[in-house]
Amino acid sequence: MWMGTTHFVTKGLDSAGTEMSLSVLAYNLKRMMSIMGTTGLMEAMMA
């Protein structure tokens, strides 16, 4: 189990790759929010 998931929900290599990319994006955004805070992250995204 990695990042709370045990298997892919979608079928096919392209779909599974997309699902993995979304999981990694969500992980990175969550990590950035814990480091910078919500306000700091929003300010950085607007700049």
PDB file of N, CA and C in Angstrom:
ATOM      1  N   MET A   1       0.848  -1.176   0.000  1.00  0.00           N
ATOM      2  CA  MET A   1       0.000   0.000   0.000  1.00  0.00           C
ATOM      3  C   MET A   1       0.891   1.235   0.000  1.00  0.00           C
ATOM      4  N   TRP A   2       0.640   2.143  -0.946  1.00  0.00           N
ATOM      5  CA  TRP A   2       1.432   3.351  -1.069  1.00  0.00           C
ATOM      6  C   TRP A   2       0.485   4.538  -1.159  1.00  0.00           C
ATOM      7  N   MET A   3       0.641   5.507  -0.303  1.00  0.00           N
ATOM      8  CA  MET A   3      -0.190   6.708  -0.274  1.00  0.00           C
ATOM      9  C   MET A   3      -1.669   6.379  -0.078  1.00  0.00           C
ATOM     10  N   GLY A   4      -1.972   5.325   0.622  1.00  0.00           N
ATOM     11  CA  GLY A   4      -3.351   5.000   0.936  1.00  0.00           C
ATOM     12  C   GLY A   4      -4.094   4.219  -0.127  1.00  0.00           C
ATOM     13  N   THR A   5      -3.446   3.870  -1.226  1.00  0.00           N
ATOM     14  CA  THR A   5      -4.122   3.115  -2.276  1.00  0.00           C
ATOM     15  C   THR A   5      -3.523   1.721  -2.379  1.00  0.00           C
ATOM     16  N   THR A   6      -4.358   0.746  -2.674  1.00  0.00           N
ATOM     17  CA  THR A   6      -3.877  -0.626  -2.796  1.00  0.00           C
ATOM     18  C   THR A   6      -3.893  -1.115  -4.240  1.00  0.00           C
ATOM     19  N   HIS A   7      -4.728  -0.530  -5.086  1.00  0.00           N
ATOM     20  CA  HIS A   7      -4.795  -0.933  -6.481  1.00  0.00           C
ATOM     21  C   HIS A   7      -5.393   0.206  -7.297  1.00  0.00           C
ATOM     22  N   PHE A   8      -5.249   0.116  -8.612  1.00  0.00           N
ATOM     23  CA  PHE A   8      -5.827   1.116  -9.495  1.00  0.00           C
ATOM     24  C   PHE A   8      -7.296   0.800  -9.731  1.00  0.00           C
ATOM     25  N   VAL A   9      -8.099   1.837  -9.810  1.00  0.00           N
ATOM     26  CA  VAL A   9      -9.528   1.670 -10.059  1.00  0.00           C
ATOM     27  C   VAL A   9      -9.784   1.506 -11.554  1.00  0.00           C
ATOM     28  N   THR A  10      -9.006   2.222 -12.367  1.00  0.00           N
ATOM     29  CA  THR A  10      -9.205   2.189 -13.811  1.00  0.00           C
ATOM     30  C   THR A  10      -8.506   0.988 -14.429  1.00  0.00           C
ATOM     31  N   LYS A  11      -8.881   0.693 -15.669  1.00  0.00           N
ATOM     32  CA  LYS A  11      -8.269  -0.413 -16.401  1.00  0.00           C
ATOM     33  C   LYS A  11      -7.507   0.155 -17.597  1.00  0.00           C
ATOM     34  N   GLY A  12      -6.447  -0.489 -17.955  1.00  0.00           N
ATOM     35  CA  GLY A  12      -5.634  -0.056 -19.085  1.00  0.00           C
ATOM     36  C   GLY A  12      -4.441   0.763 -18.622  1.00  0.00           C
ATOM     37  N   LEU A  13      -3.366   0.664 -19.392  1.00  0.00           N
ATOM     38  CA  LEU A  13      -2.121   1.322 -19.012  1.00  0.00           C
ATOM     39  C   LEU A  13      -2.241   2.842 -19.028  1.00  0.00           C
ATOM     40  N   ASP A  14      -2.885   3.406 -20.050  1.00  0.00           N
ATOM     41  CA  ASP A  14      -3.035   4.861 -20.119  1.00  0.00           C
ATOM     42  C   ASP A  14      -3.870   5.389 -18.960  1.00  0.00           C
ATOM     43  N   SER A  15      -4.974   4.729 -18.672  1.00  0.00           N
ATOM     44  CA  SER A  15      -5.848   5.163 -17.581  1.00  0.00           C
ATOM     45  C   SER A  15      -5.169   5.015 -16.226  1.00  0.00           C
ATOM     46  N   ALA A  16      -4.443   3.934 -16.044  1.00  0.00           N
ATOM     47  CA  ALA A  16      -3.739   3.725 -14.780  1.00  0.00           C
ATOM     48  C   ALA A  16      -2.631   4.760 -14.608  1.00  0.00           C
ATOM     49  N   GLY A  17      -1.970   5.115 -15.693  1.00  0.00           N
ATOM     50  CA  GLY A  17      -0.946   6.155 -15.640  1.00  0.00           C
ATOM     51  C   GLY A  17      -1.527   7.500 -15.256  1.00  0.00           C
ATOM     52  N   THR A  18      -2.694   7.812 -15.811  1.00  0.00           N
ATOM     53  CA  THR A  18      -3.379   9.053 -15.465  1.00  0.00           C
ATOM     54  C   THR A  18      -3.794   9.044 -14.006  1.00  0.00           C
ATOM     55  N   GLU A  19      -4.308   7.926 -13.539  1.00  0.00           N
ATOM     56  CA  GLU A  19      -4.717   7.801 -12.141  1.00  0.00           C
ATOM     57  C   GLU A  19      -3.517   7.985 -11.208  1.00  0.00           C
ATOM     58  N   MET A  20      -2.384   7.421 -11.577  1.00  0.00           N
ATOM     59  CA  MET A  20      -1.173   7.569 -10.762  1.00  0.00           C
ATOM     60  C   MET A  20      -0.716   9.019 -10.744  1.00  0.00           C
ATOM     61  N   SER A  21      -0.768   9.685 -11.890  1.00  0.00           N
ATOM     62  CA  SER A  21      -0.376  11.093 -11.963  1.00  0.00           C
ATOM     63  C   SER A  21      -1.253  11.959 -11.075  1.00  0.00           C
ATOM     64  N   LEU A  22      -2.555  11.705 -11.067  1.00  0.00           N
ATOM     65  CA  LEU A  22      -3.465  12.464 -10.208  1.00  0.00           C
ATOM     66  C   LEU A  22      -3.193  12.200  -8.734  1.00  0.00           C
ATOM     67  N   SER A  23      -2.856  10.964  -8.401  1.00  0.00           N
ATOM     68  CA  SER A  23      -2.532  10.630  -7.011  1.00  0.00           C
ATOM     69  C   SER A  23      -1.279  11.358  -6.549  1.00  0.00           C
ATOM     70  N   VAL A  24      -0.271  11.395  -7.406  1.00  0.00           N
ATOM     71  CA  VAL A  24       0.978  12.079  -7.060  1.00  0.00           C
ATOM     72  C   VAL A  24       0.752  13.583  -6.959  1.00  0.00           C
ATOM     73  N   LEU A  25      -0.053  14.150  -7.857  1.00  0.00           N
ATOM     74  CA  LEU A  25      -0.376  15.576  -7.794  1.00  0.00           C
ATOM     75  C   LEU A  25      -1.082  15.919  -6.490  1.00  0.00           C
ATOM     76  N   ALA A  26      -2.056  15.108  -6.101  1.00  0.00           N
ATOM     77  CA  ALA A  26      -2.775  15.339  -4.844  1.00  0.00           C
ATOM     78  C   ALA A  26      -1.833  15.236  -3.651  1.00  0.00           C
ATOM     79  N   TYR A  27      -0.929  14.266  -3.682  1.00  0.00           N
ATOM     80  CA  TYR A  27       0.050  14.106  -2.602  1.00  0.00           C
ATOM     81  C   TYR A  27       0.941  15.342  -2.491  1.00  0.00           C
ATOM     82  N   ASN A  28       1.433  15.825  -3.633  1.00  0.00           N
ATOM     83  CA  ASN A  28       2.325  16.981  -3.624  1.00  0.00           C
ATOM     84  C   ASN A  28       1.607  18.247  -3.169  1.00  0.00           C
ATOM     85  N   LEU A  29       0.362  18.449  -3.594  1.00  0.00           N
ATOM     86  CA  LEU A  29      -0.402  19.619  -3.148  1.00  0.00           C
ATOM     87  C   LEU A  29      -0.657  19.567  -1.647  1.00  0.00           C
ATOM     88  N   LYS A  30      -0.991  18.400  -1.146  1.00  0.00           N
ATOM     89  CA  LYS A  30      -1.219  18.236   0.293  1.00  0.00           C
ATOM     90  C   LYS A  30       0.060  18.525   1.073  1.00  0.00           C
ATOM     91  N   ARG A  31       1.180  18.073   0.543  1.00  0.00           N
ATOM     92  CA  ARG A  31       2.471  18.312   1.190  1.00  0.00           C
ATOM     93  C   ARG A  31       2.824  19.797   1.181  1.00  0.00           C
ATOM     94  N   MET A  32       2.578  20.464   0.053  1.00  0.00           N
ATOM     95  CA  MET A  32       2.853  21.899  -0.032  1.00  0.00           C
ATOM     96  C   MET A  32       1.973  22.692   0.924  1.00  0.00           C
ATOM     97  N   MET A  33       0.711  22.281   1.075  1.00  0.00           N
ATOM     98  CA  MET A  33      -0.177  22.976   2.012  1.00  0.00           C
ATOM     99  C   MET A  33       0.306  22.825   3.441  1.00  0.00           C
ATOM    100  N   SER A  34       0.866  21.673   3.782  1.00  0.00           N
ATOM    101  CA  SER A  34       1.348  21.493   5.149  1.00  0.00           C
ATOM    102  C   SER A  34       2.624  22.290   5.393  1.00  0.00           C
ATOM    103  N   ILE A  35       3.427  22.515   4.361  1.00  0.00           N
ATOM    104  CA  ILE A  35       4.670  23.269   4.506  1.00  0.00           C
ATOM    105  C   ILE A  35       4.405  24.772   4.470  1.00  0.00           C
ATOM    106  N   MET A  36       3.656  25.237   3.471  1.00  0.00           N
ATOM    107  CA  MET A  36       3.467  26.669   3.247  1.00  0.00           C
ATOM    108  C   MET A  36       2.209  27.223   3.895  1.00  0.00           C
ATOM    109  N   GLY A  37       1.267  26.373   4.201  1.00  0.00           N
ATOM    110  CA  GLY A  37      -0.028  26.840   4.676  1.00  0.00           C
ATOM    111  C   GLY A  37      -0.918  27.161   3.487  1.00  0.00           C
ATOM    112  N   THR A  38      -2.196  27.200   3.723  1.00  0.00           N
ATOM    113  CA  THR A  38      -3.147  27.427   2.634  1.00  0.00           C
ATOM    114  C   THR A  38      -2.984  28.810   2.024  1.00  0.00           C
ATOM    115  N   THR A  39      -2.852  29.828   2.869  1.00  0.00           N
ATOM    116  CA  THR A  39      -2.723  31.200   2.374  1.00  0.00           C
ATOM    117  C   THR A  39      -1.435  31.373   1.579  1.00  0.00           C
ATOM    118  N   GLY A  40      -0.327  30.867   2.103  1.00  0.00           N
ATOM    119  CA  GLY A  40       0.949  30.975   1.401  1.00  0.00           C
ATOM    120  C   GLY A  40       0.935  30.264   0.063  1.00  0.00           C
ATOM    121  N   LEU A  41       0.296  29.114   0.004  1.00  0.00           N
ATOM    122  CA  LEU A  41       0.207  28.364  -1.245  1.00  0.00           C
ATOM    123  C   LEU A  41      -0.636  29.117  -2.266  1.00  0.00           C
ATOM    124  N   MET A  42      -1.750  29.675  -1.835  1.00  0.00           N
ATOM    125  CA  MET A  42      -2.606  30.438  -2.750  1.00  0.00           C
ATOM    126  C   MET A  42      -1.871  31.663  -3.285  1.00  0.00           C
ATOM    127  N   GLU A  43      -1.126  32.358  -2.417  1.00  0.00           N
ATOM    128  CA  GLU A  43      -0.356  33.524  -2.860  1.00  0.00           C
ATOM    129  C   GLU A  43       0.707  33.118  -3.874  1.00  0.00           C
ATOM    130  N   ALA A  44       1.378  32.009  -3.639  1.00  0.00           N
ATOM    131  CA  ALA A  44       2.408  31.532  -4.562  1.00  0.00           C
ATOM    132  C   ALA A  44       1.801  31.133  -5.906  1.00  0.00           C
ATOM    133  N   MET A  45       0.610  30.561  -5.890  1.00  0.00           N
ATOM    134  CA  MET A  45      -0.042  30.150  -7.132  1.00  0.00           C
ATOM    135  C   MET A  45      -0.538  31.349  -7.927  1.00  0.00           C
ATOM    136  N   MET A  46      -0.909  32.426  -7.245  1.00  0.00           N
ATOM    137  CA  MET A  46      -1.402  33.631  -7.922  1.00  0.00           C
ATOM    138  C   MET A  46      -0.257  34.457  -8.518  1.00  0.00           C
ATOM    139  N   ALA A  47       0.953  34.297  -8.005  1.00  0.00           N
ATOM    140  CA  ALA A  47       2.094  35.106  -8.460  1.00  0.00           C
ATOM    141  C   ALA A  47       2.594  34.663  -9.816  1.00  0.00           C
TER     142      ALA A  47
END
